[in-house]
Amino acid sequence: MYTHLVTTPPAERFRESQSHRDALRLQADQTVNALTIDVEDYFQVSAFAPFIERTAWDGIPCRAEANVERILEMLAEHDAKATFFTLGWIAERHPSIVRAIVAAGHELASHGYGHLRASDQSRAEFTEDIVDAKKLLEDIGGVAVAGYRAPSFSINQDNLWALDCIREAGYRYSSSIYPVRHDHYGMPDAPRFAYASLPELVEVPVTTVELFNRNWPAGGGGWFRLLPYAMSRWLIRRVNRVDGESCMFYFHPWEIDPSQPRVAGIDAKTRFRHYVNLARMQDRLGRLLEDFRWNRVDRVFLRDVA
């Protein structure tokens, strides 16, 4: 007895395959990504620490307030929400920044108090820093603070105890481990996408793309300013379409401020990293807000992560 096999003509198979790809592409284009801003001023950047004494911070005019105001205006124009990882030091001296973030419906999160790297602190010092920052932000903002990001992504395989401290301090998620190789930070073997680093604590890494057996930054920072915008757009779309994941993007208020004072005495590498393409940043952010859908970290990543 013979069984009659019905085969799909090649043209139809192509149309079905193309239709499937189009459906996946449409789904990816509707993906909501997480937009984050690390609220610190230009003189608090870790790379400037050898050149600007912390004791001098109070004497330097703040530019973060005006820059955050411009960012809030951009987000409102594009109907986008974001998460603001805010320094306690900034919040204490400029509480209007915190109140404006909350009033606009954005997520208030913690960047610690004094922008000290977790890797440069003892367990007791780190705990005090993140506990004080959380309480201060919650008192000023009048909302619960669920998220924390370590300055300079300074949690790695050598200080994973910091995750216990973050959980014990009452945070629900961290964005402090960057799965890349970098001369100042990074844990390249860490997972690329959101995962439960501990029970009741989710780690949400900044987005990377895996190419040539290596993770490459694809979620903002200096790479976003250095590379042509089309490259960043391609990388984010690749993660949405190929990996089927939401992205985590970050930048700083000082990056939209090309008129900021130039720090004297810095080396050429630091000068290039900090100042490259500052004048183009605001326009690129506008295009980013137009090309993708953006929301707060808690609304994008906390619902479906086991």
Protein backbone atom coordinates (compact mmCIF):
# COMPACT_ATOMS: atom_id res chain seq x y z
CA MET A 1 0.00 0.00 0.00
CA TYR A 2 1.34 3.38 -0.90
CA THR A 3 0.87 6.56 1.11
CA HIS A 4 0.25 9.65 -0.96
CA LEU A 5 2.63 12.44 0.17
CA VAL A 6 1.45 15.97 -0.34
CA THR A 7 4.37 18.35 -0.71
CA THR A 8 4.31 22.12 -0.61
CA PRO A 9 5.57 23.74 -3.81
CA PRO A 10 8.88 25.62 -3.38
CA ALA A 11 7.26 28.98 -4.07
CA GLU A 12 4.70 28.39 -1.34
CA ARG A 13 7.37 27.22 1.10
CA PHE A 14 9.28 30.44 0.43
CA ARG A 15 6.14 32.52 1.02
CA GLU A 16 5.44 30.67 4.28
CA SER A 17 9.04 31.10 5.39
CA GLN A 18 9.00 34.77 4.46
CA SER A 19 5.70 35.25 6.27
CA HIS A 20 7.15 33.63 9.38
CA ARG A 21 10.20 35.88 9.26
CA ASP A 22 8.00 38.94 8.79
CA ALA A 23 5.92 37.92 11.80
CA LEU A 24 9.05 37.54 13.94
CA ARG A 25 10.34 40.89 12.72
CA LEU A 26 7.03 42.60 13.56
CA GLN A 27 7.09 41.04 17.03
CA ALA A 28 10.66 42.24 17.55
CA ASP A 29 9.79 45.74 16.38
CA GLN A 30 7.08 45.84 19.07
CA THR A 31 9.54 44.81 21.79
CA VAL A 32 9.74 47.23 24.69
CA ASN A 33 13.30 47.95 25.85
CA ALA A 34 14.52 49.49 29.09
CA LEU A 35 16.04 52.98 29.03
CA THR A 36 18.24 53.97 31.98
CA ILE A 37 20.06 57.12 33.03
CA ASP A 38 22.90 57.16 35.58
CA VAL A 39 22.36 60.48 37.37
CA GLU A 40 25.79 61.80 38.26
CA ASP A 41 27.63 64.98 37.32
CA TYR A 42 30.63 65.16 35.00
CA PHE A 43 33.12 65.70 37.82
CA GLN A 44 32.01 62.49 39.55
CA VAL A 45 33.02 60.16 36.73
CA SER A 46 35.30 57.41 38.04
CA ALA A 47 37.96 58.11 35.41
CA PHE A 48 38.31 61.66 36.79
CA ALA A 49 38.93 60.49 40.37
CA PRO A 50 42.74 60.92 40.10
CA PHE A 51 42.24 64.50 38.86
CA ILE A 52 39.37 65.86 40.97
CA GLU A 53 39.39 65.45 44.75
CA ARG A 54 36.10 64.33 46.26
CA THR A 55 36.48 67.12 48.81
CA ALA A 56 36.21 69.60 45.91
CA TRP A 57 32.82 68.35 44.69
CA ASP A 58 30.76 70.75 46.80
CA GLY A 59 32.58 73.70 45.29
CA ILE A 60 31.87 72.75 41.66
CA PRO A 61 28.67 74.14 40.09
CA CYS A 62 26.13 71.40 39.43
CA ARG A 63 25.14 70.80 35.80
CA ALA A 64 23.12 67.63 36.40
CA GLU A 65 19.94 69.52 37.28
CA ALA A 66 19.67 71.30 33.93
CA ASN A 67 20.74 68.20 32.01
CA VAL A 68 18.15 65.97 33.69
CA GLU A 69 15.50 68.59 32.92
CA ARG A 70 16.42 68.39 29.22
CA ILE A 71 16.27 64.59 29.33
CA LEU A 72 12.82 64.67 30.94
CA GLU A 73 11.63 66.99 28.18
CA MET A 74 12.94 64.60 25.51
CA LEU A 75 11.24 61.63 27.12
CA ALA A 76 7.95 63.51 27.36
CA GLU A 77 8.15 64.47 23.68
CA HIS A 78 8.49 60.80 22.72
CA ASP A 79 6.06 59.44 25.30
CA ALA A 80 8.82 57.24 26.79
CA LYS A 81 9.48 56.19 30.36
CA ALA A 82 12.87 55.43 31.88
CA THR A 83 14.70 54.43 35.05
CA PHE A 84 17.00 56.99 36.69
CA PHE A 85 19.80 55.41 38.75
CA THR A 86 20.45 58.41 40.96
CA LEU A 87 23.36 59.18 43.28
CA GLY A 88 22.38 59.90 46.88
CA TRP A 89 24.96 62.71 46.86
CA ILE A 90 23.08 64.40 44.01
CA ALA A 91 19.65 63.76 45.55
CA GLU A 92 20.66 65.22 48.90
CA ARG A 93 21.89 68.49 47.37
CA HIS A 94 19.37 68.75 44.54
CA PRO A 95 16.13 67.10 45.70
CA SER A 96 14.21 68.84 42.91
CA ILE A 97 15.85 66.38 40.46
CA VAL A 98 14.38 63.42 42.33
CA ARG A 99 10.94 64.98 42.63
CA ALA A 100 10.86 65.86 38.91
CA ILE A 101 11.77 62.27 37.96
CA VAL A 102 9.01 60.82 40.12
CA ALA A 103 6.44 63.42 39.10
CA ALA A 104 6.97 62.53 35.43
CA GLY A 105 6.21 58.86 36.09
CA HIS A 106 9.73 57.51 35.73
CA GLU A 107 11.34 54.92 37.98
CA LEU A 108 13.61 56.20 40.73
CA ALA A 109 16.51 53.81 41.39
CA SER A 110 19.80 53.95 43.29
CA HIS A 111 23.34 54.50 42.05
CA GLY A 112 24.68 54.38 45.60
CA TYR A 113 25.46 57.45 47.64
CA GLY A 114 28.94 58.71 46.77
CA HIS A 115 29.86 57.04 43.46
CA LEU A 116 32.40 54.73 45.03
CA ARG A 117 33.15 51.53 43.17
CA ALA A 118 31.87 48.45 44.97
CA SER A 119 35.26 46.83 44.31
CA ASP A 120 36.99 49.61 46.28
CA GLN A 121 34.86 49.18 49.41
CA SER A 122 34.70 46.71 52.26
CA ARG A 123 31.48 44.83 52.82
CA ALA A 124 30.54 47.14 55.71
CA GLU A 125 31.31 50.29 53.70
CA PHE A 126 29.37 49.06 50.69
CA THR A 127 26.36 48.14 52.80
CA GLU A 128 26.31 51.54 54.47
CA ASP A 129 26.53 53.28 51.08
CA ILE A 130 23.64 51.43 49.43
CA VAL A 131 21.41 51.47 52.52
CA ASP A 132 21.88 55.21 53.05
CA ALA A 133 21.24 55.95 49.37
CA LYS A 134 18.04 53.91 49.29
CA LYS A 135 16.62 55.56 52.39
CA LEU A 136 17.54 59.04 51.17
CA LEU A 137 15.98 58.54 47.74
CA GLU A 138 12.80 57.06 49.19
CA ASP A 139 12.45 59.89 51.71
CA ILE A 140 12.83 62.55 49.02
CA GLY A 141 10.92 60.79 46.23
CA GLY A 142 8.16 59.32 48.34
CA VAL A 143 8.32 56.03 46.41
CA ALA A 144 9.91 52.63 46.99
CA VAL A 145 13.31 52.14 45.35
CA ALA A 146 13.66 48.64 43.87
CA GLY A 147 16.75 48.93 41.67
CA TYR A 148 20.47 49.48 42.21
CA ARG A 149 23.39 49.93 39.79
CA ALA A 150 26.95 49.88 41.06
CA PRO A 151 29.14 52.75 39.86
CA SER A 152 31.26 51.63 36.91
CA PHE A 153 29.54 48.21 36.93
CA SER A 154 31.98 47.31 39.70
CA ILE A 155 30.63 43.93 40.76
CA ASN A 156 32.53 40.96 39.37
CA GLN A 157 33.74 37.49 40.31
CA ASP A 158 35.96 38.98 43.05
CA ASN A 159 33.19 40.69 45.05
CA LEU A 160 30.01 38.71 44.45
CA TRP A 161 29.31 39.14 48.16
CA ALA A 162 27.96 42.54 47.13
CA LEU A 163 24.87 40.83 45.70
CA ASP A 164 23.98 39.54 49.16
CA CYS A 165 24.31 43.09 50.49
CA ILE A 166 22.03 44.44 47.76
CA ARG A 167 19.35 41.88 48.50
CA GLU A 168 19.63 42.38 52.27
CA ALA A 169 19.28 46.15 51.76
CA GLY A 170 15.84 45.52 50.24
CA TYR A 171 16.54 46.02 46.53
CA ARG A 172 14.64 43.75 44.12
CA TYR A 173 17.07 43.99 41.21
CA SER A 174 20.59 45.02 40.32
CA SER A 175 22.19 46.16 37.07
CA SER A 176 25.80 45.98 38.22
CA ILE A 177 27.46 43.12 36.32
CA TYR A 178 28.50 43.89 32.74
CA PRO A 179 29.27 40.73 30.72
CA VAL A 180 32.13 42.25 28.69
CA ARG A 181 35.92 42.55 28.78
CA HIS A 182 36.96 46.09 29.73
CA ASP A 183 40.02 47.62 31.33
CA HIS A 184 37.95 49.08 34.20
CA TYR A 185 35.16 46.55 34.73
CA GLY A 186 33.45 43.48 33.34
CA MET A 187 32.60 39.83 33.95
CA PRO A 188 32.56 38.37 30.43
CA ASP A 189 31.31 34.92 31.47
CA ALA A 190 28.20 36.27 33.20
CA PRO A 191 24.79 35.75 31.53
CA ARG A 192 23.91 38.27 28.84
CA PHE A 193 20.24 38.58 29.78
CA ALA A 194 18.22 39.07 32.96
CA TYR A 195 18.57 36.26 35.47
CA ALA A 196 18.02 35.50 39.16
CA SER A 197 21.50 36.06 40.63
CA LEU A 198 20.15 35.15 44.08
CA PRO A 199 16.72 34.17 45.35
CA GLU A 200 14.63 37.35 45.29
CA LEU A 201 17.28 39.34 43.41
CA VAL A 202 17.29 39.79 39.62
CA GLU A 203 20.42 40.88 37.78
CA VAL A 204 19.67 42.86 34.60
CA PRO A 205 22.85 43.39 32.56
CA VAL A 206 23.39 46.19 30.09
CA THR A 207 22.86 44.77 26.60
CA THR A 208 25.62 43.03 24.68
CA VAL A 209 25.78 41.30 21.30
CA GLU A 210 27.67 38.03 20.87
CA LEU A 211 29.88 38.14 17.79
CA PHE A 212 33.06 36.18 17.03
CA ASN A 213 32.77 34.28 20.34
CA ARG A 214 32.89 37.47 22.36
CA ASN A 215 30.36 39.82 23.97
CA TRP A 216 30.40 43.37 22.59
CA PRO A 217 28.75 46.42 24.22
CA ALA A 218 25.44 47.28 22.56
CA GLY A 219 23.61 49.18 25.28
CA GLY A 220 24.98 52.70 25.35
CA GLY A 221 27.87 54.37 27.12
CA GLY A 222 30.92 55.57 25.22
CA TRP A 223 30.35 53.06 22.42
CA PHE A 224 27.06 54.77 21.54
CA ARG A 225 28.88 58.08 21.11
CA LEU A 226 31.85 56.57 19.29
CA LEU A 227 30.11 54.37 16.71
CA PRO A 228 27.81 55.69 13.96
CA TYR A 229 24.18 55.67 15.12
CA ALA A 230 23.28 53.13 12.42
CA MET A 231 25.56 50.58 14.07
CA SER A 232 23.90 51.00 17.47
CA ARG A 233 20.47 50.70 15.87
CA TRP A 234 21.55 47.50 14.10
CA LEU A 235 22.89 46.00 17.34
CA ILE A 236 19.72 46.72 19.31
CA ARG A 237 17.52 45.38 16.51
CA ARG A 238 19.66 42.25 16.36
CA VAL A 239 19.06 41.55 20.05
CA ASN A 240 15.32 42.18 19.67
CA ARG A 241 14.99 40.06 16.50
CA VAL A 242 17.64 37.34 16.77
CA ASP A 243 17.84 36.84 20.53
CA GLY A 244 14.18 37.74 21.08
CA GLU A 245 15.12 39.79 24.14
CA SER A 246 14.49 43.28 25.43
CA CYS A 247 17.53 45.53 25.62
CA MET A 248 18.93 47.49 28.54
CA PHE A 249 20.37 50.86 27.42
CA TYR A 250 22.15 53.47 29.56
CA PHE A 251 23.66 56.94 29.36
CA HIS A 252 24.57 59.86 31.65
CA PRO A 253 23.20 63.42 31.84
CA TRP A 254 26.69 64.85 31.23
CA GLU A 255 26.74 63.10 27.83
CA ILE A 256 24.23 65.59 26.40
CA ASP A 257 26.28 68.54 27.71
CA PRO A 258 29.03 69.47 25.22
CA SER A 259 29.57 72.79 27.03
CA GLN A 260 30.68 71.17 30.29
CA PRO A 261 34.01 72.42 31.66
CA ARG A 262 37.08 70.53 30.43
CA VAL A 263 39.03 68.78 33.16
CA ALA A 264 42.70 69.72 33.11
CA GLY A 265 45.58 67.28 33.29
CA ILE A 266 43.77 64.14 32.14
CA ASP A 267 45.49 61.63 29.88
CA ALA A 268 44.64 61.30 26.19
CA LYS A 269 42.72 58.04 26.61
CA THR A 270 40.46 59.46 29.31
CA ARG A 271 39.97 62.68 27.34
CA PHE A 272 38.89 60.76 24.24
CA ARG A 273 36.52 58.44 26.09
CA HIS A 274 34.77 61.22 27.94
CA TYR A 275 34.48 63.92 25.30
CA VAL A 276 34.10 62.06 22.00
CA ASN A 277 30.94 63.14 20.12
CA LEU A 278 29.24 64.89 23.03
CA ALA A 279 27.79 67.39 20.56
CA ARG A 280 26.06 64.57 18.64
CA MET A 281 24.62 62.76 21.64
CA GLN A 282 21.29 64.55 22.04
CA ASP A 283 20.40 64.11 18.38
CA ARG A 284 21.29 60.41 18.56
CA LEU A 285 19.14 59.95 21.64
CA GLY A 286 16.24 61.54 19.79
CA ARG A 287 16.63 59.04 16.98
CA LEU A 288 16.89 56.20 19.49
CA LEU A 289 13.63 57.27 21.12
CA GLU A 290 11.94 57.35 17.71
CA ASP A 291 13.28 54.01 16.47
CA PHE A 292 12.46 51.85 19.53
CA ARG A 293 9.92 51.53 22.31
CA TRP A 294 11.18 52.33 25.82
CA ASN A 295 9.99 51.87 29.38
CA ARG A 296 11.20 51.57 32.97
CA VAL A 297 13.35 48.63 34.08
CA ASP A 298 10.81 47.42 36.62
CA ARG A 299 8.05 47.29 33.98
CA VAL A 300 10.21 45.53 31.38
CA PHE A 301 12.18 42.99 33.40
CA LEU A 302 10.62 42.27 36.79
CA ARG A 303 7.42 40.56 35.66
CA ASP A 304 8.60 37.45 33.84
CA VAL A 305 12.03 36.65 35.31
CA ALA A 306 12.05 33.46 37.35
